Amino acid sequence: MNTSINKKLSRIRRGLKTRIKLKSCDMMRLVIHRTSRHMYAQIIDPISFNVVVSASTLEKSIRKNLISYTGNQDSANYIGDTIAKRALKKGISTVSFDRSGFKYHGRVKMLAESARKSGLKF
């Protein structure tokens, strides 16, 4: 089997384990996804599974504020700050962090720390 397929399946398996644990918490989930070029963050309601707040590097308003490449730690920092501000506007202050099986380092860590600094608790 191809190693990239094994890596992806391992990440999906880790993500499913996390989601099963988070389901019992009944809290809003901050779900992130990263690709080599972009970062995505969404806050999902645990009851209706609807996206309440989202932010990504694909948005034109966010791209204007990013000076360089959208797949680096600076952009993850900005996305974390943006998602936290939007969540606080909607009255969401506490979430559980769903990293979707991605390891907690680099851009994922930067996004989480930035969201915490901006007032989101998890």
Protein backbone atom coordinates (compact mmCIF):
# COMPACT_ATOMS: atom_id res chain seq x y z
CA MET A 1 0.00 0.00 0.00
CA ASN A 2 1.09 3.55 -0.67
CA THR A 3 2.64 5.34 2.33
CA SER A 4 0.63 8.52 1.76
CA ILE A 5 -2.58 6.50 1.97
CA ASN A 6 -1.37 4.92 5.22
CA LYS A 7 -0.58 8.36 6.66
CA LYS A 8 -4.00 9.67 5.74
CA LEU A 9 -5.80 6.62 7.15
CA SER A 10 -3.84 6.93 10.39
CA ARG A 11 -4.80 10.60 10.69
CA ILE A 12 -8.47 9.80 10.04
CA ARG A 13 -8.38 7.02 12.64
CA ARG A 14 -6.86 9.39 15.24
CA GLY A 15 -9.51 11.98 14.41
CA LEU A 16 -12.37 9.51 14.85
CA LYS A 17 -11.09 8.48 18.27
CA THR A 18 -11.00 12.10 19.34
CA ARG A 19 -14.49 12.84 18.01
CA ILE A 20 -15.96 9.88 19.92
CA LYS A 21 -14.53 11.28 23.15
CA LEU A 22 -15.68 14.82 22.37
CA LYS A 23 -19.23 13.68 21.60
CA SER A 24 -19.79 12.83 25.25
CA CYS A 25 -18.82 16.38 26.32
CA ASP A 26 -21.77 18.09 24.55
CA MET A 27 -19.73 21.23 23.90
CA MET A 28 -19.16 23.33 20.82
CA ARG A 29 -16.24 21.92 18.81
CA LEU A 30 -13.47 23.96 17.24
CA VAL A 31 -12.61 21.78 14.25
CA ILE A 32 -9.52 22.53 12.21
CA HIS A 33 -8.24 21.24 8.92
CA ARG A 34 -4.93 22.01 7.30
CA THR A 35 -3.56 21.48 3.85
CA SER A 36 -0.19 22.46 2.49
CA ARG A 37 -1.65 25.76 1.26
CA HIS A 38 -4.53 26.65 3.59
CA MET A 39 -5.92 26.52 7.14
CA TYR A 40 -9.59 26.10 7.96
CA ALA A 41 -11.34 26.47 11.32
CA GLN A 42 -15.00 25.91 12.16
CA ILE A 43 -17.04 25.90 15.33
CA ILE A 44 -19.74 23.23 15.14
CA ASP A 45 -22.89 22.94 17.27
CA PRO A 46 -23.03 19.53 19.06
CA ILE A 47 -26.79 19.13 18.76
CA SER A 48 -27.61 20.13 15.19
CA PHE A 49 -24.07 19.62 13.75
CA ASN A 50 -24.34 22.98 11.98
CA VAL A 51 -21.38 25.30 11.47
CA VAL A 52 -21.88 28.32 13.70
CA VAL A 53 -18.65 30.23 12.96
CA SER A 54 -15.91 29.64 10.41
CA ALA A 55 -12.68 31.18 9.16
CA SER A 56 -10.20 30.11 6.52
CA THR A 57 -7.34 31.45 4.47
CA LEU A 58 -9.57 31.25 1.38
CA GLU A 59 -11.67 34.24 2.48
CA LYS A 60 -10.85 37.41 0.56
CA SER A 61 -11.01 39.59 3.67
CA ILE A 62 -8.44 37.39 5.42
CA ARG A 63 -6.19 37.07 2.37
CA LYS A 64 -5.91 40.87 2.17
CA ASN A 65 -4.49 40.99 5.69
CA LEU A 66 -1.98 38.20 5.11
CA ILE A 67 1.21 39.52 3.60
CA SER A 68 2.76 36.29 2.41
CA TYR A 69 1.95 32.65 1.79
CA THR A 70 -1.30 31.29 3.28
CA GLY A 71 0.13 27.95 4.43
CA ASN A 72 2.48 29.15 7.18
CA GLN A 73 2.37 29.78 10.92
CA ASP A 74 1.57 33.47 10.50
CA SER A 75 -1.61 32.63 8.63
CA ALA A 76 -2.54 29.99 11.26
CA ASN A 77 -2.02 32.63 13.93
CA TYR A 78 -4.33 35.03 12.10
CA ILE A 79 -7.02 32.34 11.56
CA GLY A 80 -6.94 31.46 15.29
CA ASP A 81 -7.37 35.10 16.22
CA THR A 82 -10.19 35.59 13.70
CA ILE A 83 -12.16 32.48 14.71
CA ALA A 84 -11.93 33.48 18.38
CA LYS A 85 -13.18 37.00 17.73
CA ARG A 86 -16.07 35.75 15.60
CA ALA A 87 -17.01 33.16 18.23
CA LEU A 88 -17.00 35.72 21.03
CA LYS A 89 -19.27 37.95 18.93
CA LYS A 90 -21.76 35.05 18.70
CA GLY A 91 -21.55 34.47 22.47
CA ILE A 92 -19.39 31.34 22.34
CA SER A 93 -16.57 31.43 24.88
CA THR A 94 -15.87 27.75 25.63
CA VAL A 95 -15.18 25.07 23.02
CA SER A 96 -13.49 21.71 22.80
CA PHE A 97 -10.55 21.52 20.38
CA ASP A 98 -10.88 18.92 17.62
CA ARG A 99 -7.59 18.80 15.73
CA SER A 100 -8.94 16.17 13.26
CA GLY A 101 -6.08 13.78 13.88
CA PHE A 102 -3.37 16.30 13.04
CA LYS A 103 -0.41 16.35 15.41
CA TYR A 104 -0.36 19.23 17.88
CA HIS A 105 2.65 21.13 16.59
CA GLY A 106 3.46 23.78 14.03
CA ARG A 107 0.44 25.44 12.45
CA VAL A 108 -2.10 23.51 14.54
CA LYS A 109 -0.42 24.58 17.76
CA MET A 110 -0.13 28.18 16.54
CA LEU A 111 -3.84 28.33 15.69
CA ALA A 112 -4.82 26.93 19.11
CA GLU A 113 -2.55 29.28 21.06
CA SER A 114 -3.76 32.28 19.08
CA ALA A 115 -7.41 31.39 19.74
CA ARG A 116 -6.64 31.06 23.47
CA LYS A 117 -4.89 34.44 23.56
CA SER A 118 -7.92 36.03 21.90
CA GLY A 119 -10.24 34.82 24.66
CA LEU A 120 -11.51 31.40 23.59
CA LYS A 121 -11.35 28.76 26.34
CA PHE A 122 -10.65 25.08 25.68
